[in-house]
Protein backbone atom coordinates (compact mmCIF):
# COMPACT_ATOMS: atom_id res chain seq x y z
CA MET A 1 -1.00 -6.65 -8.18
CA THR A 2 0.03 -6.19 -11.64
CA ALA A 3 -1.55 -5.62 -14.81
CA LYS A 4 -2.60 -8.34 -16.97
CA ASN A 5 -1.02 -6.07 -19.89
CA PRO A 6 2.60 -4.20 -19.13
CA ASP A 7 1.30 -1.00 -21.21
CA PHE A 8 -1.21 -0.78 -17.79
CA THR A 9 -0.18 0.68 -14.62
CA LEU A 10 -1.45 0.94 -11.53
CA PHE A 11 -3.65 3.84 -10.94
CA GLY A 12 -4.95 3.17 -7.55
CA THR A 13 -7.00 0.90 -5.51
CA TYR A 14 -10.15 2.09 -4.37
CA ALA A 15 -13.52 1.27 -2.45
CA LEU A 16 -16.23 -0.01 -4.51
CA GLN A 17 -18.45 3.13 -4.72
CA ASP A 18 -15.19 5.52 -5.70
CA ALA A 19 -14.11 2.91 -8.33
CA GLU A 20 -17.42 2.78 -9.80
CA ARG A 21 -17.34 6.77 -10.25
CA LEU A 22 -14.10 6.62 -11.83
CA LEU A 23 -14.72 4.04 -14.15
CA GLU A 24 -18.24 5.22 -15.19
CA GLN A 25 -16.24 8.35 -16.22
CA PHE A 26 -13.22 6.56 -17.71
CA GLU A 27 -15.74 4.98 -20.13
CA LYS A 28 -17.33 8.25 -20.97
CA GLU A 29 -14.09 9.73 -21.99
CA ARG A 30 -12.76 6.71 -23.58
CA VAL A 31 -9.80 5.97 -21.01
CA LYS A 32 -8.24 2.40 -21.47
CA PHE A 33 -8.23 0.51 -18.38
CA GLN A 34 -8.14 -3.06 -16.76
CA ILE A 35 -9.49 -3.74 -13.29
CA ASP A 36 -8.85 -6.30 -10.45
CA ALA A 37 -11.13 -6.77 -7.59
CA ASP A 38 -10.02 -7.75 -4.12
CA THR A 39 -13.05 -9.68 -3.18
CA ASP A 40 -14.05 -10.47 0.57
CA PRO A 41 -15.93 -13.27 1.05
CA GLY A 42 -16.52 -12.80 4.60
CA PRO A 43 -17.05 -15.52 7.29
CA ALA A 44 -20.33 -16.36 6.33
CA ASN A 45 -20.08 -16.60 2.54
CA ILE A 46 -17.67 -18.95 0.93
CA HIS A 47 -18.34 -17.73 -2.66
CA ALA A 48 -15.94 -14.62 -3.47
CA ALA A 49 -17.93 -11.76 -4.88
CA ILE A 50 -17.53 -7.97 -5.30
CA SER A 51 -19.36 -6.51 -2.59
CA PRO A 52 -19.46 -3.14 -1.00
CA ARG A 53 -16.72 -4.21 1.19
CA SER A 54 -14.20 -4.91 -1.94
CA ASN A 55 -11.10 -2.93 -3.19
CA ILE A 56 -11.04 -2.57 -6.65
CA SER A 57 -7.41 -2.01 -8.29
CA ILE A 58 -7.82 0.21 -11.69
CA PHE A 59 -4.90 0.18 -14.20
CA VAL A 60 -4.73 2.66 -16.72
CA HIS A 61 -2.97 2.56 -20.23
CA ARG A 62 0.24 4.87 -20.07
CA ASP A 63 -1.10 6.97 -23.06
CA ASP A 64 -4.29 7.73 -20.99
CA ASP A 65 -2.80 8.52 -17.78
CA THR A 66 -2.69 12.52 -17.79
CA LYS A 67 -6.66 12.25 -18.86
CA ALA A 68 -7.28 9.70 -15.98
CA ARG A 69 -5.60 12.26 -13.59
CA ALA A 70 -7.55 14.95 -14.78
CA ILE A 71 -11.12 13.18 -14.37
CA PHE A 72 -9.76 12.00 -10.93
CA ASP A 73 -8.98 15.64 -9.77
CA LYS A 74 -12.38 16.49 -11.30
CA LEU A 75 -14.42 14.23 -9.28
CA PHE A 76 -12.55 14.03 -6.26
CA SER A 77 -11.56 17.63 -6.02
CA ILE A 78 -8.01 17.06 -5.07
CA SER A 79 -4.90 16.67 -6.81
CA MET A 80 -3.36 13.00 -7.38
CA PRO A 81 0.44 13.19 -7.55
CA SER A 82 2.16 12.01 -10.67
CA PRO A 83 4.34 9.00 -10.51
CA ASP A 84 7.38 11.40 -10.94
CA GLU A 85 6.06 13.09 -7.73
CA LEU A 86 5.99 10.00 -5.76
CA GLY A 87 9.53 9.13 -7.20
CA MET A 88 8.07 6.23 -9.06
CA GLN A 89 9.38 5.05 -12.66
CA THR A 90 6.65 4.76 -15.33
């Protein structure tokens, strides 16, 4: 999964409730983001929709990465490793 704009990098993929918490705070703090929802229509529903079982991929603008990580740490009380710590290029 890739961002629609190369200035955005994958911040993570989250369950719907966690994504909602993050995105609400990102909006308040004016963090630029994009999302992509992995919809799971389930066997009884042929219409894909965002459901409680959906996973939401969040992409954050590279200029807002530090601010987004601080928000994540505050909301979830854990430290998110940086791309450098994971050996990823940004």
